[in-house]
């Protein structure tokens, strides 16, 4: 499921297509209308992916030391780069 929601107007933006550029590793979403500069959007994409523990790509497990408690905490991280043309 894909959903793009304008958080200011609460308007859902219709998705008319999507594709994956294997060479550039881009996931491209085509919209019915352009998004507006200065607005805030929520993009929801359901997907299934492995969680890596041995490399930092896709979804991967990482950790950090909490500066307040000194505890090491685990986090799930991902790499998403947004490009709007």
PDB file of N, CA and C in Angstrom:
ATOM      1  N   UNK A   1       0.837  -1.184   0.000  1.00  0.00           N
ATOM      2  CA  UNK A   1       0.000   0.000   0.000  1.00  0.00           C
ATOM      3  C   UNK A   1       0.880   1.246   0.000  1.00  0.00           C
ATOM      4  N   UNK A   2       0.504   2.218  -0.788  1.00  0.00           N
ATOM      5  CA  UNK A   2       1.181   3.506  -0.859  1.00  0.00           C
ATOM      6  C   UNK A   2       0.177   4.574  -0.496  1.00  0.00           C
ATOM      7  N   UNK A   3       0.645   5.570   0.232  1.00  0.00           N
ATOM      8  CA  UNK A   3      -0.227   6.704   0.528  1.00  0.00           C
ATOM      9  C   UNK A   3       0.634   7.931   0.736  1.00  0.00           C
ATOM     10  N   UNK A   4       0.210   9.026   0.133  1.00  0.00           N
ATOM     11  CA  UNK A   4       0.856  10.319   0.356  1.00  0.00           C
ATOM     12  C   UNK A   4      -0.222  11.269   0.840  1.00  0.00           C
ATOM     13  N   UNK A   5       0.021  11.872   1.998  1.00  0.00           N
ATOM     14  CA  UNK A   5      -0.968  12.730   2.629  1.00  0.00           C
ATOM     15  C   UNK A   5      -0.357  14.095   2.903  1.00  0.00           C
ATOM     16  N   UNK A   6      -1.048  15.158   2.475  1.00  0.00           N
ATOM     17  CA  UNK A   6      -0.640  16.518   2.797  1.00  0.00           C
ATOM     18  C   UNK A   6      -1.063  16.764   4.248  1.00  0.00           C
ATOM     19  N   UNK A   7      -0.099  16.962   5.131  1.00  0.00           N
ATOM     20  CA  UNK A   7      -0.398  17.102   6.555  1.00  0.00           C
ATOM     21  C   UNK A   7      -1.044  18.436   6.912  1.00  0.00           C
ATOM     22  N   UNK A   8      -0.937  19.422   6.038  1.00  0.00           N
ATOM     23  CA  UNK A   8      -1.547  20.728   6.309  1.00  0.00           C
ATOM     24  C   UNK A   8      -3.026  20.720   5.903  1.00  0.00           C
ATOM     25  N   UNK A   9      -3.317  20.204   4.695  1.00  0.00           N
ATOM     26  CA  UNK A   9      -4.705  20.208   4.208  1.00  0.00           C
ATOM     27  C   UNK A   9      -5.424  18.887   4.473  1.00  0.00           C
ATOM     28  N   UNK A  10      -4.703  17.867   4.924  1.00  0.00           N
ATOM     29  CA  UNK A  10      -5.240  16.521   5.164  1.00  0.00           C
ATOM     30  C   UNK A  10      -5.729  15.877   3.855  1.00  0.00           C
ATOM     31  N   UNK A  11      -5.203  16.362   2.731  1.00  0.00           N
ATOM     32  CA  UNK A  11      -5.585  15.864   1.409  1.00  0.00           C
ATOM     33  C   UNK A  11      -4.663  14.714   0.998  1.00  0.00           C
ATOM     34  N   UNK A  12      -5.258  13.644   0.495  1.00  0.00           N
ATOM     35  CA  UNK A  12      -4.500  12.514  -0.033  1.00  0.00           C
ATOM     36  C   UNK A  12      -4.103  12.818  -1.474  1.00  0.00           C
ATOM     37  N   UNK A  13      -2.850  12.579  -1.823  1.00  0.00           N
ATOM     38  CA  UNK A  13      -2.358  12.819  -3.176  1.00  0.00           C
ATOM     39  C   UNK A  13      -2.412  11.496  -3.943  1.00  0.00           C
ATOM     40  N   UNK A  14      -3.079  11.492  -5.082  1.00  0.00           N
ATOM     41  CA  UNK A  14      -3.236  10.251  -5.844  1.00  0.00           C
ATOM     42  C   UNK A  14      -1.926   9.837  -6.508  1.00  0.00           C
ATOM     43  N   UNK A  15      -1.597   8.566  -6.370  1.00  0.00           N
ATOM     44  CA  UNK A  15      -0.416   7.987  -6.998  1.00  0.00           C
ATOM     45  C   UNK A  15      -0.873   7.335  -8.300  1.00  0.00           C
ATOM     46  N   UNK A  16      -0.264   7.750  -9.425  1.00  0.00           N
ATOM     47  CA  UNK A  16      -0.690   7.225 -10.723  1.00  0.00           C
ATOM     48  C   UNK A  16       0.279   6.174 -11.267  1.00  0.00           C
ATOM     49  N   UNK A  17       1.416   6.002 -10.625  1.00  0.00           N
ATOM     50  CA  UNK A  17       2.367   4.990 -11.081  1.00  0.00           C
ATOM     51  C   UNK A  17       3.592   4.953 -10.196  1.00  0.00           C
ATOM     52  N   UNK A  18       4.363   3.895 -10.369  1.00  0.00           N
ATOM     53  CA  UNK A  18       5.626   3.788  -9.644  1.00  0.00           C
ATOM     54  C   UNK A  18       6.535   2.833 -10.400  1.00  0.00           C
ATOM     55  N   UNK A  19       7.837   3.001 -10.201  1.00  0.00           N
ATOM     56  CA  UNK A  19       8.818   2.133 -10.849  1.00  0.00           C
ATOM     57  C   UNK A  19      10.105   2.125 -10.038  1.00  0.00           C
ATOM     58  N   UNK A  20      10.935   1.156 -10.307  1.00  0.00           N
ATOM     59  CA  UNK A  20      12.219   1.044  -9.628  1.00  0.00           C
ATOM     60  C   UNK A  20      13.316   1.094 -10.672  1.00  0.00           C
ATOM     61  N   UNK A  21      14.261   2.024 -10.506  1.00  0.00           N
ATOM     62  CA  UNK A  21      15.410   2.136 -11.392  1.00  0.00           C
ATOM     63  C   UNK A  21      16.530   1.308 -10.770  1.00  0.00           C
ATOM     64  N   UNK A  22      16.739   0.119 -11.317  1.00  0.00           N
ATOM     65  CA  UNK A  22      17.715  -0.836 -10.778  1.00  0.00           C
ATOM     66  C   UNK A  22      19.136  -0.263 -10.792  1.00  0.00           C
ATOM     67  N   UNK A  23      19.495   0.417 -11.873  1.00  0.00           N
ATOM     68  CA  UNK A  23      20.861   0.935 -12.019  1.00  0.00           C
ATOM     69  C   UNK A  23      21.182   2.012 -10.969  1.00  0.00           C
ATOM     70  N   UNK A  24      20.244   2.932 -10.759  1.00  0.00           N
ATOM     71  CA  UNK A  24      20.470   4.021  -9.808  1.00  0.00           C
ATOM     72  C   UNK A  24      19.968   3.693  -8.407  1.00  0.00           C
ATOM     73  N   UNK A  25      19.285   2.545  -8.265  1.00  0.00           N
ATOM     74  CA  UNK A  25      18.618   2.133  -7.016  1.00  0.00           C
ATOM     75  C   UNK A  25      17.667   3.216  -6.517  1.00  0.00           C
ATOM     76  N   UNK A  26      16.849   3.749  -7.445  1.00  0.00           N
ATOM     77  CA  UNK A  26      15.825   4.744  -7.129  1.00  0.00           C
ATOM     78  C   UNK A  26      14.463   4.074  -7.167  1.00  0.00           C
ATOM     79  N   UNK A  27      13.616   4.387  -6.223  1.00  0.00           N
ATOM     80  CA  UNK A  27      12.208   4.020  -6.292  1.00  0.00           C
ATOM     81  C   UNK A  27      11.470   5.305  -6.633  1.00  0.00           C
ATOM     82  N   UNK A  28      10.744   5.308  -7.723  1.00  0.00           N
ATOM     83  CA  UNK A  28      10.143   6.527  -8.249  1.00  0.00           C
ATOM     84  C   UNK A  28       8.623   6.431  -8.145  1.00  0.00           C
ATOM     85  N   UNK A  29       7.998   7.453  -7.570  1.00  0.00           N
ATOM     86  CA  UNK A  29       6.548   7.513  -7.423  1.00  0.00           C
ATOM     87  C   UNK A  29       6.037   8.673  -8.270  1.00  0.00           C
ATOM     88  N   UNK A  30       5.108   8.371  -9.183  1.00  0.00           N
ATOM     89  CA  UNK A  30       4.498   9.404 -10.018  1.00  0.00           C
ATOM     90  C   UNK A  30       3.160   9.812  -9.402  1.00  0.00           C
ATOM     91  N   UNK A  31       2.954  11.128  -9.283  1.00  0.00           N
ATOM     92  CA  UNK A  31       1.752  11.661  -8.630  1.00  0.00           C
ATOM     93  C   UNK A  31       0.807  12.306  -9.638  1.00  0.00           C
ATOM     94  N   UNK A  32      -0.471  12.321  -9.306  1.00  0.00           N
ATOM     95  CA  UNK A  32      -1.500  12.943 -10.141  1.00  0.00           C
ATOM     96  C   UNK A  32      -1.290  14.454 -10.216  1.00  0.00           C
ATOM     97  N   UNK A  33      -0.781  15.042  -9.134  1.00  0.00           N
ATOM     98  CA  UNK A  33      -0.572  16.487  -9.074  1.00  0.00           C
ATOM     99  C   UNK A  33       0.761  16.771  -8.402  1.00  0.00           C
ATOM    100  N   UNK A  34       1.352  17.919  -8.674  1.00  0.00           N
ATOM    101  CA  UNK A  34       2.624  18.254  -8.029  1.00  0.00           C
ATOM    102  C   UNK A  34       2.440  18.529  -6.532  1.00  0.00           C
ATOM    103  N   UNK A  35       3.487  18.271  -5.776  1.00  0.00           N
ATOM    104  CA  UNK A  35       3.450  18.636  -4.363  1.00  0.00           C
ATOM    105  C   UNK A  35       3.894  20.088  -4.232  1.00  0.00           C
ATOM    106  N   UNK A  36       3.519  20.730  -3.134  1.00  0.00           N
ATOM    107  CA  UNK A  36       3.770  22.160  -2.955  1.00  0.00           C
ATOM    108  C   UNK A  36       4.934  22.411  -2.006  1.00  0.00           C
ATOM    109  N   UNK A  37       5.827  23.320  -2.410  1.00  0.00           N
ATOM    110  CA  UNK A  37       6.911  23.724  -1.528  1.00  0.00           C
ATOM    111  C   UNK A  37       6.316  24.356  -0.276  1.00  0.00           C
ATOM    112  N   UNK A  38       6.885  24.062   0.872  1.00  0.00           N
ATOM    113  CA  UNK A  38       6.408  24.626   2.122  1.00  0.00           C
ATOM    114  C   UNK A  38       5.356  23.783   2.816  1.00  0.00           C
ATOM    115  N   UNK A  39       4.779  22.823   2.106  1.00  0.00           N
ATOM    116  CA  UNK A  39       3.818  21.918   2.730  1.00  0.00           C
ATOM    117  C   UNK A  39       4.558  20.757   3.380  1.00  0.00           C
ATOM    118  N   UNK A  40       3.872  20.060   4.241  1.00  0.00           N
ATOM    119  CA  UNK A  40       4.434  18.870   4.881  1.00  0.00           C
ATOM    120  C   UNK A  40       3.624  17.663   4.436  1.00  0.00           C
ATOM    121  N   UNK A  41       4.326  16.573   4.119  1.00  0.00           N
ATOM    122  CA  UNK A  41       3.675  15.378   3.613  1.00  0.00           C
ATOM    123  C   UNK A  41       4.101  14.167   4.432  1.00  0.00           C
ATOM    124  N   UNK A  42       3.197  13.225   4.510  1.00  0.00           N
ATOM    125  CA  UNK A  42       3.485  11.925   5.095  1.00  0.00           C
ATOM    126  C   UNK A  42       3.439  10.913   3.959  1.00  0.00           C
ATOM    127  N   UNK A  43       4.516  10.146   3.788  1.00  0.00           N
ATOM    128  CA  UNK A  43       4.566   9.114   2.759  1.00  0.00           C
ATOM    129  C   UNK A  43       4.608   7.770   3.461  1.00  0.00           C
ATOM    130  N   UNK A  44       3.627   6.921   3.180  1.00  0.00           N
ATOM    131  CA  UNK A  44       3.550   5.586   3.780  1.00  0.00           C
ATOM    132  C   UNK A  44       3.709   4.546   2.686  1.00  0.00           C
ATOM    133  N   UNK A  45       4.656   3.636   2.873  1.00  0.00           N
ATOM    134  CA  UNK A  45       4.900   2.563   1.917  1.00  0.00           C
ATOM    135  C   UNK A  45       5.055   1.268   2.710  1.00  0.00           C
ATOM    136  N   UNK A  46       4.175   0.307   2.461  1.00  0.00           N
ATOM    137  CA  UNK A  46       4.327  -1.014   3.069  1.00  0.00           C
ATOM    138  C   UNK A  46       5.346  -1.808   2.252  1.00  0.00           C
ATOM    139  N   UNK A  47       6.263  -2.477   2.918  1.00  0.00           N
ATOM    140  CA  UNK A  47       7.242  -3.298   2.211  1.00  0.00           C
ATOM    141  C   UNK A  47       7.795  -4.363   3.149  1.00  0.00           C
ATOM    142  N   UNK A  48       8.414  -5.352   2.547  1.00  0.00           N
ATOM    143  CA  UNK A  48       9.067  -6.425   3.285  1.00  0.00           C
ATOM    144  C   UNK A  48      10.528  -6.429   2.863  1.00  0.00           C
ATOM    145  N   UNK A  49      11.430  -6.479   3.831  1.00  0.00           N
ATOM    146  CA  UNK A  49      12.859  -6.467   3.521  1.00  0.00           C
ATOM    147  C   UNK A  49      13.629  -7.176   4.625  1.00  0.00           C
ATOM    148  N   UNK A  50      14.767  -7.751   4.279  1.00  0.00           N
ATOM    149  CA  UNK A  50      15.605  -8.344   5.322  1.00  0.00           C
ATOM    150  C   UNK A  50      16.227  -7.250   6.179  1.00  0.00           C
ATOM    151  N   UNK A  51      16.521  -7.570   7.422  1.00  0.00           N
ATOM    152  CA  UNK A  51      17.233  -6.648   8.311  1.00  0.00           C
ATOM    153  C   UNK A  51      18.663  -7.169   8.434  1.00  0.00           C
ATOM    154  N   UNK A  52      19.614  -6.364   7.957  1.00  0.00           N
ATOM    155  CA  UNK A  52      21.006  -6.779   7.952  1.00  0.00           C
ATOM    156  C   UNK A  52      21.668  -6.473   9.287  1.00  0.00           C
ATOM    157  N   UNK A  53      22.567  -7.324   9.677  1.00  0.00           N
ATOM    158  CA  UNK A  53      23.375  -7.083  10.873  1.00  0.00           C
ATOM    159  C   UNK A  53      24.854  -6.976  10.517  1.00  0.00           C
ATOM    160  N   UNK A  54      25.199  -7.265   9.261  1.00  0.00           N
ATOM    161  CA  UNK A  54      26.597  -7.302   8.853  1.00  0.00           C
ATOM    162  C   UNK A  54      26.985  -6.243   7.821  1.00  0.00           C
ATOM    163  N   UNK A  55      26.026  -5.423   7.382  1.00  0.00           N
ATOM    164  CA  UNK A  55      26.339  -4.355   6.433  1.00  0.00           C
ATOM    165  C   UNK A  55      25.337  -3.216   6.609  1.00  0.00           C
ATOM    166  N   UNK A  56      25.751  -2.024   6.223  1.00  0.00           N
ATOM    167  CA  UNK A  56      24.922  -0.840   6.407  1.00  0.00           C
ATOM    168  C   UNK A  56      24.271  -0.454   5.087  1.00  0.00           C
ATOM    169  N   UNK A  57      23.273  -1.250   4.688  1.00  0.00           N
ATOM    170  CA  UNK A  57      22.493  -0.928   3.496  1.00  0.00           C
ATOM    171  C   UNK A  57      21.088  -1.442   3.701  1.00  0.00           C
ATOM    172  N   UNK A  58      20.140  -0.858   2.950  1.00  0.00           N
ATOM    173  CA  UNK A  58      18.747  -1.256   3.128  1.00  0.00           C
ATOM    174  C   UNK A  58      18.308  -0.982   4.554  1.00  0.00           C
ATOM    175  N   UNK A  59      17.694  -1.964   5.200  1.00  0.00           N
ATOM    176  CA  UNK A  59      17.371  -1.891   6.627  1.00  0.00           C
ATOM    177  C   UNK A  59      18.476  -2.607   7.385  1.00  0.00           C
ATOM    178  N   UNK A  60      18.990  -1.981   8.414  1.00  0.00           N
ATOM    179  CA  UNK A  60      20.046  -2.627   9.174  1.00  0.00           C
ATOM    180  C   UNK A  60      19.943  -2.278  10.650  1.00  0.00           C
ATOM    181  N   UNK A  61      20.422  -3.201  11.458  1.00  0.00           N
ATOM    182  CA  UNK A  61      20.432  -2.999  12.904  1.00  0.00           C
ATOM    183  C   UNK A  61      21.706  -2.261  13.285  1.00  0.00           C
ATOM    184  N   UNK A  62      21.557  -1.293  14.153  1.00  0.00           N
ATOM    185  CA  UNK A  62      22.689  -0.516  14.635  1.00  0.00           C
ATOM    186  C   UNK A  62      22.500  -0.289  16.131  1.00  0.00           C
ATOM    187  N   UNK A  63      23.383   0.469  16.723  1.00  0.00           N
ATOM    188  CA  UNK A  63      23.259   0.759  18.151  1.00  0.00           C
ATOM    189  C   UNK A  63      23.864   2.128  18.466  1.00  0.00           C
ATOM    190  N   UNK A  64      23.523   2.614  19.640  1.00  0.00           N
ATOM    191  CA  UNK A  64      24.112   3.855  20.129  1.00  0.00           C
ATOM    192  C   UNK A  64      24.166   3.792  21.646  1.00  0.00           C
ATOM    193  N   UNK A  65      25.017   4.610  22.222  1.00  0.00           N
ATOM    194  CA  UNK A  65      25.116   4.697  23.678  1.00  0.00           C
ATOM    195  C   UNK A  65      24.291   5.893  24.139  1.00  0.00           C
ATOM    196  N   UNK A  66      23.301   5.638  24.981  1.00  0.00           N
ATOM    197  CA  UNK A  66      22.436   6.682  25.520  1.00  0.00           C
ATOM    198  C   UNK A  66      23.269   7.576  26.430  1.00  0.00           C
ATOM    199  N   UNK A  67      23.390   8.875  26.113  1.00  0.00           N
ATOM    200  CA  UNK A  67      24.237   9.753  26.913  1.00  0.00           C
ATOM    201  C   UNK A  67      23.716   9.978  28.339  1.00  0.00           C
ATOM    202  N   UNK A  68      22.419   9.771  28.560  1.00  0.00           N
ATOM    203  CA  UNK A  68      21.856   9.978  29.890  1.00  0.00           C
ATOM    204  C   UNK A  68      22.051   8.781  30.805  1.00  0.00           C
ATOM    205  N   UNK A  69      21.945   7.573  30.229  1.00  0.00           N
ATOM    206  CA  UNK A  69      22.014   6.361  31.059  1.00  0.00           C
ATOM    207  C   UNK A  69      23.292   5.563  30.860  1.00  0.00           C
ATOM    208  N   UNK A  70      24.003   5.821  29.739  1.00  0.00           N
ATOM    209  CA  UNK A  70      25.194   5.037  29.435  1.00  0.00           C
ATOM    210  C   UNK A  70      24.868   3.673  28.841  1.00  0.00           C
ATOM    211  N   UNK A  71      23.579   3.353  28.702  1.00  0.00           N
ATOM    212  CA  UNK A  71      23.162   2.068  28.148  1.00  0.00           C
ATOM    213  C   UNK A  71      23.365   2.033  26.633  1.00  0.00           C
ATOM    214  N   UNK A  72      23.733   0.869  26.121  1.00  0.00           N
ATOM    215  CA  UNK A  72      23.771   0.662  24.679  1.00  0.00           C
ATOM    216  C   UNK A  72      22.386   0.251  24.230  1.00  0.00           C
ATOM    217  N   UNK A  73      21.845   0.965  23.255  1.00  0.00           N
ATOM    218  CA  UNK A  73      20.491   0.697  22.767  1.00  0.00           C
ATOM    219  C   UNK A  73      20.548   0.316  21.295  1.00  0.00           C
ATOM    220  N   UNK A  74      19.690  -0.634  20.908  1.00  0.00           N
ATOM    221  CA  UNK A  74      19.598  -1.064  19.522  1.00  0.00           C
ATOM    222  C   UNK A  74      18.582  -0.220  18.775  1.00  0.00           C
ATOM    223  N   UNK A  75      18.863   0.051  17.507  1.00  0.00           N
ATOM    224  CA  UNK A  75      17.947   0.790  16.649  1.00  0.00           C
ATOM    225  C   UNK A  75      17.905   0.128  15.276  1.00  0.00           C
ATOM    226  N   UNK A  76      16.798   0.317  14.581  1.00  0.00           N
ATOM    227  CA  UNK A  76      16.666  -0.127  13.204  1.00  0.00           C
ATOM    228  C   UNK A  76      16.819   1.108  12.332  1.00  0.00           C
ATOM    229  N   UNK A  77      17.736   1.045  11.382  1.00  0.00           N
ATOM    230  CA  UNK A  77      17.995   2.199  10.508  1.00  0.00           C
ATOM    231  C   UNK A  77      17.756   1.815   9.057  1.00  0.00           C
ATOM    232  N   UNK A  78      17.569   2.815   8.251  1.00  0.00           N
ATOM    233  CA  UNK A  78      17.390   2.604   6.825  1.00  0.00           C
ATOM    234  C   UNK A  78      17.956   3.777   6.067  1.00  0.00           C
ATOM    235  N   UNK A  79      18.164   3.573   4.806  1.00  0.00           N
ATOM    236  CA  UNK A  79      18.708   4.625   3.964  1.00  0.00           C
ATOM    237  C   UNK A  79      17.658   5.010   2.935  1.00  0.00           C
ATOM    238  N   UNK A  80      17.091   6.194   3.095  1.00  0.00           N
ATOM    239  CA  UNK A  80      16.112   6.697   2.138  1.00  0.00           C
ATOM    240  C   UNK A  80      16.555   8.098   1.723  1.00  0.00           C
ATOM    241  N   UNK A  81      16.748   8.273   0.444  1.00  0.00           N
ATOM    242  CA  UNK A  81      17.112   9.581  -0.104  1.00  0.00           C
ATOM    243  C   UNK A  81      15.966  10.063  -0.967  1.00  0.00           C
ATOM    244  N   UNK A  82      15.530  11.283  -0.745  1.00  0.00           N
ATOM    245  CA  UNK A  82      14.382  11.812  -1.480  1.00  0.00           C
ATOM    246  C   UNK A  82      14.879  12.775  -2.555  1.00  0.00           C
ATOM    247  N   UNK A  83      14.368  12.598  -3.749  1.00  0.00           N
ATOM    248  CA  UNK A  83      14.689  13.480  -4.864  1.00  0.00           C
ATOM    249  C   UNK A  83      13.381  13.831  -5.550  1.00  0.00           C
ATOM    250  N   UNK A  84      13.056  15.099  -5.656  1.00  0.00           N
ATOM    251  CA  UNK A  84      11.826  15.533  -6.314  1.00  0.00           C
ATOM    252  C   UNK A  84      12.194  16.362  -7.537  1.00  0.00           C
ATOM    253  N   UNK A  85      11.684  15.947  -8.670  1.00  0.00           N
ATOM    254  CA  UNK A  85      11.995  16.663  -9.927  1.00  0.00           C
ATOM    255  C   UNK A  85      10.708  17.174 -10.511  1.00  0.00           C
TER     256      UNK A  85
END
